[in-house]
Amino acid sequence: MSDYTKATNFTLKDGLSTGDPGKVIKGSEIDAEYTAIASAVASKADINSPTFTGTPTLPSGTIATTVADNTDSSTKIATTAFVQSVKTLVLQAVFPVGSIYTSYSVSTDPATVLGFGTWSAIEGKVLAAYQSGDTDFGTAGGTGGSKDAVVVEHNHGITDPGHNHTVTTSNTSTIASGNAIPLNYLYTTRTTSTSTTGITINNEGVSGTGKNLQPYVTVHMWRRTA
């Protein structure tokens, strides 16, 4: 922007004596003054919807640099410092103390990324919603469960998981006590005066621990503590 500077001192001409050539107001002088005024006006921003060019700057100490963060209805110009402070206020509202911050691939502490807060990393755990009165989920921040050995509560029916064993015996016409039984009759259990005898089916399978992991995706996760 350019400022208008008057080139001709018209008041000084009034003090000159009659007949002094300098006392005469010339058209070229008037034309030069109007040209300078027009040039200065054209370089100024309009009051209504101005369009700035170049790099506008504000002097230190103006209202625009001291606008309050809570001036919701303010029409003042916002500086870079003001915008940065508002950004921080918004992010702090989004991530208050106790909130969770996650990142798919960035392991940088949120205090560095966001510029505020104290954050504690959450590692090797999934999140579960709080449920009042529940023995497992009734305490906010409570932990539990095990990745390597999981006890799964489940009511089994006859067909769940459902399996059977085949028992093979030989036909006989007598048993150890000497009592006769019909040929081709399968006798599996016999009660005597001292004991009960029968068929024993051996256990199958091996002992060990198992995992019960739902489909998951691993992310970096933190909890804001301060």
C-alpha atoms as a PDB file:
ATOM      1  CA  MET A   1       0.000   0.000   0.000  1.00  0.00           C
ATOM      2  CA  SER A   2       1.109   3.532  -0.684  1.00  0.00           C
ATOM      3  CA  ASP A   3       0.228   6.628   1.363  1.00  0.00           C
ATOM      4  CA  TYR A   4      -0.706  10.003  -0.134  1.00  0.00           C
ATOM      5  CA  THR A   5       1.826  12.772   0.424  1.00  0.00           C
ATOM      6  CA  LYS A   6       0.906  16.315  -0.636  1.00  0.00           C
ATOM      7  CA  ALA A   7       3.466  17.727  -3.036  1.00  0.00           C
ATOM      8  CA  THR A   8       2.222  21.340  -3.314  1.00  0.00           C
ATOM      9  CA  ASN A   9       1.850  23.703  -0.332  1.00  0.00           C
ATOM     10  CA  PHE A  10      -1.148  25.697  -1.433  1.00  0.00           C
ATOM     11  CA  THR A  11      -1.350  27.638   1.842  1.00  0.00           C
ATOM     12  CA  LEU A  12       2.203  28.928   1.353  1.00  0.00           C
ATOM     13  CA  LYS A  13       1.124  30.499  -1.962  1.00  0.00           C
ATOM     14  CA  ASP A  14      -1.337  32.717  -0.098  1.00  0.00           C
ATOM     15  CA  GLY A  15       1.524  34.391   1.757  1.00  0.00           C
ATOM     16  CA  LEU A  16       3.442  35.333  -1.352  1.00  0.00           C
ATOM     17  CA  SER A  17       3.285  38.908  -2.609  1.00  0.00           C
ATOM     18  CA  THR A  18       1.112  39.916  -5.532  1.00  0.00           C
ATOM     19  CA  GLY A  19       2.871  39.337  -8.809  1.00  0.00           C
ATOM     20  CA  ASP A  20       5.043  36.518  -7.481  1.00  0.00           C
ATOM     21  CA  PRO A  21       4.852  33.692 -10.063  1.00  0.00           C
ATOM     22  CA  GLY A  22       4.802  31.167  -7.230  1.00  0.00           C
ATOM     23  CA  LYS A  23       1.536  32.592  -5.991  1.00  0.00           C
ATOM     24  CA  VAL A  24      -0.262  31.248  -9.048  1.00  0.00           C
ATOM     25  CA  ILE A  25      -2.000  27.900  -8.659  1.00  0.00           C
ATOM     26  CA  LYS A  26      -1.201  25.827 -11.725  1.00  0.00           C
ATOM     27  CA  GLY A  27      -3.380  23.157 -13.236  1.00  0.00           C
ATOM     28  CA  SER A  28      -0.394  20.794 -13.392  1.00  0.00           C
ATOM     29  CA  GLU A  29      -0.008  21.073  -9.626  1.00  0.00           C
ATOM     30  CA  ILE A  30      -3.666  20.233  -9.055  1.00  0.00           C
ATOM     31  CA  ASP A  31      -3.470  17.376 -11.540  1.00  0.00           C
ATOM     32  CA  ALA A  32      -0.374  15.945  -9.825  1.00  0.00           C
ATOM     33  CA  GLU A  33      -2.082  16.088  -6.426  1.00  0.00           C
ATOM     34  CA  TYR A  34      -5.216  14.322  -7.676  1.00  0.00           C
ATOM     35  CA  THR A  35      -3.113  11.658  -9.415  1.00  0.00           C
ATOM     36  CA  ALA A  36      -1.218  10.987  -6.174  1.00  0.00           C
ATOM     37  CA  ILE A  37      -4.490  10.812  -4.236  1.00  0.00           C
ATOM     38  CA  ALA A  38      -6.034   8.371  -6.741  1.00  0.00           C
ATOM     39  CA  SER A  39      -2.944   6.143  -6.644  1.00  0.00           C
ATOM     40  CA  ALA A  40      -2.947   5.999  -2.852  1.00  0.00           C
ATOM     41  CA  VAL A  41      -6.692   5.268  -2.668  1.00  0.00           C
ATOM     42  CA  ALA A  42      -6.408   2.474  -5.249  1.00  0.00           C
ATOM     43  CA  SER A  43      -3.753   0.727  -3.148  1.00  0.00           C
ATOM     44  CA  LYS A  44      -5.926   0.641  -0.004  1.00  0.00           C
ATOM     45  CA  ALA A  45      -8.199  -2.278   0.974  1.00  0.00           C
ATOM     46  CA  ASP A  46     -11.919  -1.671   0.831  1.00  0.00           C
ATOM     47  CA  ILE A  47     -13.845  -1.582   4.098  1.00  0.00           C
ATOM     48  CA  ASN A  48     -16.491  -3.883   2.623  1.00  0.00           C
ATOM     49  CA  SER A  49     -15.119  -7.375   1.831  1.00  0.00           C
ATOM     50  CA  PRO A  50     -11.486  -6.370   1.356  1.00  0.00           C
ATOM     51  CA  THR A  51      -9.072  -8.540  -0.625  1.00  0.00           C
ATOM     52  CA  PHE A  52      -5.544  -8.602   0.757  1.00  0.00           C
ATOM     53  CA  THR A  53      -2.465  -9.262  -1.364  1.00  0.00           C
ATOM     54  CA  GLY A  54       1.113  -9.988  -0.379  1.00  0.00           C
ATOM     55  CA  THR A  55       1.753 -10.848   3.267  1.00  0.00           C
ATOM     56  CA  PRO A  56      -0.490  -8.809   5.592  1.00  0.00           C
ATOM     57  CA  THR A  57       0.972  -8.171   9.043  1.00  0.00           C
ATOM     58  CA  LEU A  58      -0.448  -6.675  12.210  1.00  0.00           C
ATOM     59  CA  PRO A  59       1.497  -4.413  14.540  1.00  0.00           C
ATOM     60  CA  SER A  60       2.361  -5.809  17.944  1.00  0.00           C
ATOM     61  CA  GLY A  61      -0.119  -4.902  20.677  1.00  0.00           C
ATOM     62  CA  THR A  62      -3.188  -4.492  18.451  1.00  0.00           C
ATOM     63  CA  ILE A  63      -6.577  -5.929  19.416  1.00  0.00           C
ATOM     64  CA  ALA A  64      -6.093  -8.772  16.982  1.00  0.00           C
ATOM     65  CA  THR A  65      -3.117 -10.102  18.956  1.00  0.00           C
ATOM     66  CA  THR A  66      -4.873  -9.889  22.336  1.00  0.00           C
ATOM     67  CA  VAL A  67      -8.260 -11.376  21.447  1.00  0.00           C
ATOM     68  CA  ALA A  68      -9.489 -13.677  24.227  1.00  0.00           C
ATOM     69  CA  ASP A  69      -9.732 -17.430  23.605  1.00  0.00           C
ATOM     70  CA  ASN A  70     -13.349 -17.472  24.807  1.00  0.00           C
ATOM     71  CA  THR A  71     -14.601 -14.638  22.559  1.00  0.00           C
ATOM     72  CA  ASP A  72     -17.076 -16.795  20.690  1.00  0.00           C
ATOM     73  CA  SER A  73     -18.863 -13.955  18.888  1.00  0.00           C
ATOM     74  CA  SER A  74     -15.805 -11.788  18.264  1.00  0.00           C
ATOM     75  CA  THR A  75     -15.373 -10.181  14.840  1.00  0.00           C
ATOM     76  CA  LYS A  76     -11.718  -9.373  15.459  1.00  0.00           C
ATOM     77  CA  ILE A  77      -8.991 -10.662  13.156  1.00  0.00           C
ATOM     78  CA  ALA A  78      -7.358 -13.842  14.457  1.00  0.00           C
ATOM     79  CA  THR A  79      -3.587 -14.135  14.484  1.00  0.00           C
ATOM     80  CA  THR A  80      -1.629 -17.352  14.020  1.00  0.00           C
ATOM     81  CA  ALA A  81      -0.994 -17.468  17.780  1.00  0.00           C
ATOM     82  CA  PHE A  82      -4.725 -17.214  18.455  1.00  0.00           C
ATOM     83  CA  VAL A  83      -5.576 -19.985  15.990  1.00  0.00           C
ATOM     84  CA  GLN A  84      -2.944 -22.249  17.553  1.00  0.00           C
ATOM     85  CA  SER A  85      -4.336 -21.624  21.035  1.00  0.00           C
ATOM     86  CA  VAL A  86      -7.890 -22.407  19.860  1.00  0.00           C
ATOM     87  CA  LYS A  87      -6.655 -25.616  18.208  1.00  0.00           C
ATOM     88  CA  THR A  88      -5.146 -26.702  21.517  1.00  0.00           C
ATOM     89  CA  LEU A  89      -8.376 -25.902  23.378  1.00  0.00           C
ATOM     90  CA  VAL A  90     -10.400 -27.968  20.912  1.00  0.00           C
ATOM     91  CA  LEU A  91      -8.035 -30.943  21.102  1.00  0.00           C
ATOM     92  CA  GLN A  92      -8.036 -30.816  24.901  1.00  0.00           C
ATOM     93  CA  ALA A  93     -11.839 -30.946  24.801  1.00  0.00           C
ATOM     94  CA  VAL A  94     -11.684 -33.961  22.483  1.00  0.00           C
ATOM     95  CA  PHE A  95      -9.029 -35.710  24.602  1.00  0.00           C
ATOM     96  CA  PRO A  96      -9.757 -34.879  28.277  1.00  0.00           C
ATOM     97  CA  VAL A  97      -8.051 -36.700  31.152  1.00  0.00           C
ATOM     98  CA  GLY A  98      -9.131 -40.346  31.020  1.00  0.00           C
ATOM     99  CA  SER A  99      -9.634 -40.441  27.250  1.00  0.00           C
ATOM    100  CA  ILE A 100      -8.077 -42.990  24.889  1.00  0.00           C
ATOM    101  CA  TYR A 101      -5.833 -42.068  21.958  1.00  0.00           C
ATOM    102  CA  THR A 102      -5.088 -44.624  19.238  1.00  0.00           C
ATOM    103  CA  SER A 103      -2.880 -44.659  16.158  1.00  0.00           C
ATOM    104  CA  TYR A 104      -2.786 -47.366  13.505  1.00  0.00           C
ATOM    105  CA  SER A 105       0.967 -47.108  12.859  1.00  0.00           C
ATOM    106  CA  VAL A 106       2.496 -44.104  14.691  1.00  0.00           C
ATOM    107  CA  SER A 107       4.162 -45.001  17.994  1.00  0.00           C
ATOM    108  CA  THR A 108       4.981 -41.405  18.998  1.00  0.00           C
ATOM    109  CA  ASP A 109       3.725 -40.364  22.441  1.00  0.00           C
ATOM    110  CA  PRO A 110       0.523 -38.251  22.099  1.00  0.00           C
ATOM    111  CA  ALA A 111       2.131 -35.567  24.276  1.00  0.00           C
ATOM    112  CA  THR A 112       4.470 -34.921  21.340  1.00  0.00           C
ATOM    113  CA  VAL A 113       1.799 -35.271  18.657  1.00  0.00           C
ATOM    114  CA  LEU A 114      -0.864 -33.136  20.377  1.00  0.00           C
ATOM    115  CA  GLY A 115       1.407 -30.894  22.414  1.00  0.00           C
ATOM    116  CA  PHE A 116      -0.240 -31.460  25.804  1.00  0.00           C
ATOM    117  CA  GLY A 117      -1.091 -34.031  28.470  1.00  0.00           C
ATOM    118  CA  THR A 118       0.576 -36.971  30.172  1.00  0.00           C
ATOM    119  CA  TRP A 119      -0.149 -40.315  28.519  1.00  0.00           C
ATOM    120  CA  SER A 120       0.259 -43.924  29.648  1.00  0.00           C
ATOM    121  CA  ALA A 121       0.671 -46.650  27.018  1.00  0.00           C
ATOM    122  CA  ILE A 122      -1.837 -49.529  26.969  1.00  0.00           C
ATOM    123  CA  GLU A 123      -0.128 -52.697  25.781  1.00  0.00           C
ATOM    124  CA  GLY A 124      -1.393 -56.207  25.032  1.00  0.00           C
ATOM    125  CA  LYS A 125      -5.025 -55.561  26.001  1.00  0.00           C
ATOM    126  CA  VAL A 126      -8.351 -54.952  24.298  1.00  0.00           C
ATOM    127  CA  LEU A 127     -11.026 -52.577  25.601  1.00  0.00           C
ATOM    128  CA  ALA A 128     -14.277 -53.763  27.197  1.00  0.00           C
ATOM    129  CA  ALA A 129     -17.298 -51.572  28.012  1.00  0.00           C
ATOM    130  CA  TYR A 130     -18.080 -50.871  31.678  1.00  0.00           C
ATOM    131  CA  GLN A 131     -21.121 -52.649  33.121  1.00  0.00           C
ATOM    132  CA  SER A 132     -22.365 -51.658  36.560  1.00  0.00           C
ATOM    133  CA  GLY A 133     -22.559 -54.506  39.047  1.00  0.00           C
ATOM    134  CA  ASP A 134     -20.774 -57.029  36.842  1.00  0.00           C
ATOM    135  CA  THR A 135     -18.028 -58.969  38.620  1.00  0.00           C
ATOM    136  CA  ASP A 136     -15.677 -58.741  35.630  1.00  0.00           C
ATOM    137  CA  PHE A 137     -16.593 -55.377  34.067  1.00  0.00           C
ATOM    138  CA  GLY A 138     -18.006 -53.409  37.001  1.00  0.00           C
ATOM    139  CA  THR A 139     -14.822 -51.433  37.798  1.00  0.00           C
ATOM    140  CA  ALA A 140     -13.648 -48.657  35.467  1.00  0.00           C
ATOM    141  CA  GLY A 141     -10.023 -49.304  34.622  1.00  0.00           C
ATOM    142  CA  GLY A 142     -10.200 -52.883  35.888  1.00  0.00           C
ATOM    143  CA  THR A 143      -8.160 -55.568  34.168  1.00  0.00           C
ATOM    144  CA  GLY A 144      -8.505 -59.303  33.779  1.00  0.00           C
ATOM    145  CA  GLY A 145      -8.247 -62.221  31.420  1.00  0.00           C
ATOM    146  CA  SER A 146      -5.270 -64.175  30.145  1.00  0.00           C
ATOM    147  CA  LYS A 147      -3.942 -64.621  26.640  1.00  0.00           C
ATOM    148  CA  ASP A 148      -2.378 -68.080  27.177  1.00  0.00           C
ATOM    149  CA  ALA A 149      -4.971 -69.957  29.277  1.00  0.00           C
ATOM    150  CA  VAL A 150      -8.568 -68.886  28.953  1.00  0.00           C
ATOM    151  CA  VAL A 151     -11.502 -70.343  30.880  1.00  0.00           C
ATOM    152  CA  VAL A 152     -14.542 -70.287  28.637  1.00  0.00           C
ATOM    153  CA  GLU A 153     -17.945 -70.585  30.272  1.00  0.00           C
ATOM    154  CA  HIS A 154     -20.224 -72.705  28.073  1.00  0.00           C
ATOM    155  CA  ASN A 155     -23.165 -75.079  28.673  1.00  0.00           C
ATOM    156  CA  HIS A 156     -22.746 -78.273  26.637  1.00  0.00           C
ATOM    157  CA  GLY A 157     -25.626 -80.333  25.379  1.00  0.00           C
ATOM    158  CA  ILE A 158     -25.594 -83.973  24.310  1.00  0.00           C
ATOM    159  CA  THR A 159     -24.708 -83.029  20.763  1.00  0.00           C
ATOM    160  CA  ASP A 160     -22.324 -80.204  21.732  1.00  0.00           C
ATOM    161  CA  PRO A 161     -19.576 -81.042  21.055  1.00  0.00           C
ATOM    162  CA  GLY A 162     -20.986 -84.569  20.624  1.00  0.00           C
ATOM    163  CA  HIS A 163     -18.878 -87.705  20.203  1.00  0.00           C
ATOM    164  CA  ASN A 164     -19.011 -91.406  20.983  1.00  0.00           C
ATOM    165  CA  HIS A 165     -16.784 -94.413  21.583  1.00  0.00           C
ATOM    166  CA  THR A 166     -17.183 -97.859  20.070  1.00  0.00           C
ATOM    167  CA  VAL A 167     -16.749-100.846  22.412  1.00  0.00           C
ATOM    168  CA  THR A 168     -15.913-104.241  20.945  1.00  0.00           C
ATOM    169  CA  THR A 169     -16.398-107.431  22.978  1.00  0.00           C
ATOM    170  CA  SER A 170     -16.364-111.101  22.086  1.00  0.00           C
ATOM    171  CA  ASN A 171     -19.402-113.339  22.340  1.00  0.00           C
ATOM    172  CA  THR A 172     -19.282-115.907  25.133  1.00  0.00           C
ATOM    173  CA  SER A 173     -21.532-118.519  26.641  1.00  0.00           C
ATOM    174  CA  THR A 174     -20.127-118.246  30.155  1.00  0.00           C
ATOM    175  CA  ILE A 175     -18.738-115.580  32.441  1.00  0.00           C
ATOM    176  CA  ALA A 176     -16.024-115.788  35.089  1.00  0.00           C
ATOM    177  CA  SER A 177     -18.440-116.870  37.824  1.00  0.00           C
ATOM    178  CA  GLY A 178     -19.537-119.790  35.720  1.00  0.00           C
ATOM    179  CA  ASN A 179     -23.077-118.534  35.179  1.00  0.00           C
ATOM    180  CA  ALA A 180     -24.361-119.402  31.738  1.00  0.00           C
ATOM    181  CA  ILE A 181     -25.620-116.691  29.395  1.00  0.00           C
ATOM    182  CA  PRO A 182     -27.222-117.101  25.984  1.00  0.00           C
ATOM    183  CA  LEU A 183     -24.911-117.291  22.994  1.00  0.00           C
ATOM    184  CA  ASN A 184     -24.421-113.960  21.163  1.00  0.00           C
ATOM    185  CA  TYR A 185     -25.706-112.031  24.190  1.00  0.00           C
ATOM    186  CA  LEU A 186     -23.460-109.038  25.080  1.00  0.00           C
ATOM    187  CA  TYR A 187     -23.151-108.821  28.842  1.00  0.00           C
ATOM    188  CA  THR A 188     -21.414-105.577  29.861  1.00  0.00           C
ATOM    189  CA  THR A 189     -21.963-105.305  33.608  1.00  0.00           C
ATOM    190  CA  ARG A 190     -22.447-107.909  36.293  1.00  0.00           C
ATOM    191  CA  THR A 191     -23.044-107.274  39.959  1.00  0.00           C
ATOM    192  CA  THR A 192     -21.647-109.657  42.524  1.00  0.00           C
ATOM    193  CA  SER A 193     -21.763-109.634  46.279  1.00  0.00           C
ATOM    194  CA  THR A 194     -18.416-107.867  46.546  1.00  0.00           C
ATOM    195  CA  SER A 195     -18.008-105.647  43.488  1.00  0.00           C
ATOM    196  CA  THR A 196     -19.405-104.416  40.209  1.00  0.00           C
ATOM    197  CA  THR A 197     -17.611-105.343  37.061  1.00  0.00           C
ATOM    198  CA  GLY A 198     -18.024-103.810  33.636  1.00  0.00           C
ATOM    199  CA  ILE A 199     -16.391-102.201  30.609  1.00  0.00           C
ATOM    200  CA  THR A 200     -13.927 -99.349  31.120  1.00  0.00           C
ATOM    201  CA  ILE A 201     -13.375 -96.780  28.320  1.00  0.00           C
ATOM    202  CA  ASN A 202      -9.994 -95.085  28.439  1.00  0.00           C
ATOM    203  CA  ASN A 203      -9.661 -91.285  28.300  1.00  0.00           C
ATOM    204  CA  GLU A 204      -8.494 -89.775  25.038  1.00  0.00           C
ATOM    205  CA  GLY A 205      -6.604 -86.531  24.340  1.00  0.00           C
ATOM    206  CA  VAL A 206      -3.794 -84.630  26.008  1.00  0.00           C
ATOM    207  CA  SER A 207      -3.649 -81.910  28.634  1.00  0.00           C
ATOM    208  CA  GLY A 208      -2.462 -78.401  27.808  1.00  0.00           C
ATOM    209  CA  THR A 209      -3.352 -74.700  27.603  1.00  0.00           C
ATOM    210  CA  GLY A 210      -5.176 -73.054  24.747  1.00  0.00           C
ATOM    211  CA  LYS A 211      -5.749 -69.564  23.321  1.00  0.00           C
ATOM    212  CA  ASN A 212      -9.069 -67.895  22.631  1.00  0.00           C
ATOM    213  CA  LEU A 213      -8.242 -64.814  20.535  1.00  0.00           C
ATOM    214  CA  GLN A 214     -10.932 -63.021  18.580  1.00  0.00           C
ATOM    215  CA  PRO A 215     -10.006 -61.529  15.179  1.00  0.00           C
ATOM    216  CA  TYR A 216      -8.002 -58.381  15.949  1.00  0.00           C
ATOM    217  CA  VAL A 217      -5.840 -55.599  14.539  1.00  0.00           C
ATOM    218  CA  THR A 218      -2.905 -54.254  16.530  1.00  0.00           C
ATOM    219  CA  VAL A 219      -2.725 -50.479  17.111  1.00  0.00           C
ATOM    220  CA  HIS A 220      -0.783 -48.134  19.383  1.00  0.00           C
ATOM    221  CA  MET A 221      -2.953 -47.023  22.297  1.00  0.00           C
ATOM    222  CA  TRP A 222      -2.562 -44.591  25.217  1.00  0.00           C
ATOM    223  CA  ARG A 223      -4.668 -43.318  28.122  1.00  0.00           C
ATOM    224  CA  ARG A 224      -4.403 -39.680  29.204  1.00  0.00           C
ATOM    225  CA  THR A 225      -3.578 -39.539  32.922  1.00  0.00           C
ATOM    226  CA  ALA A 226      -3.000 -35.774  33.373  1.00  0.00           C
END
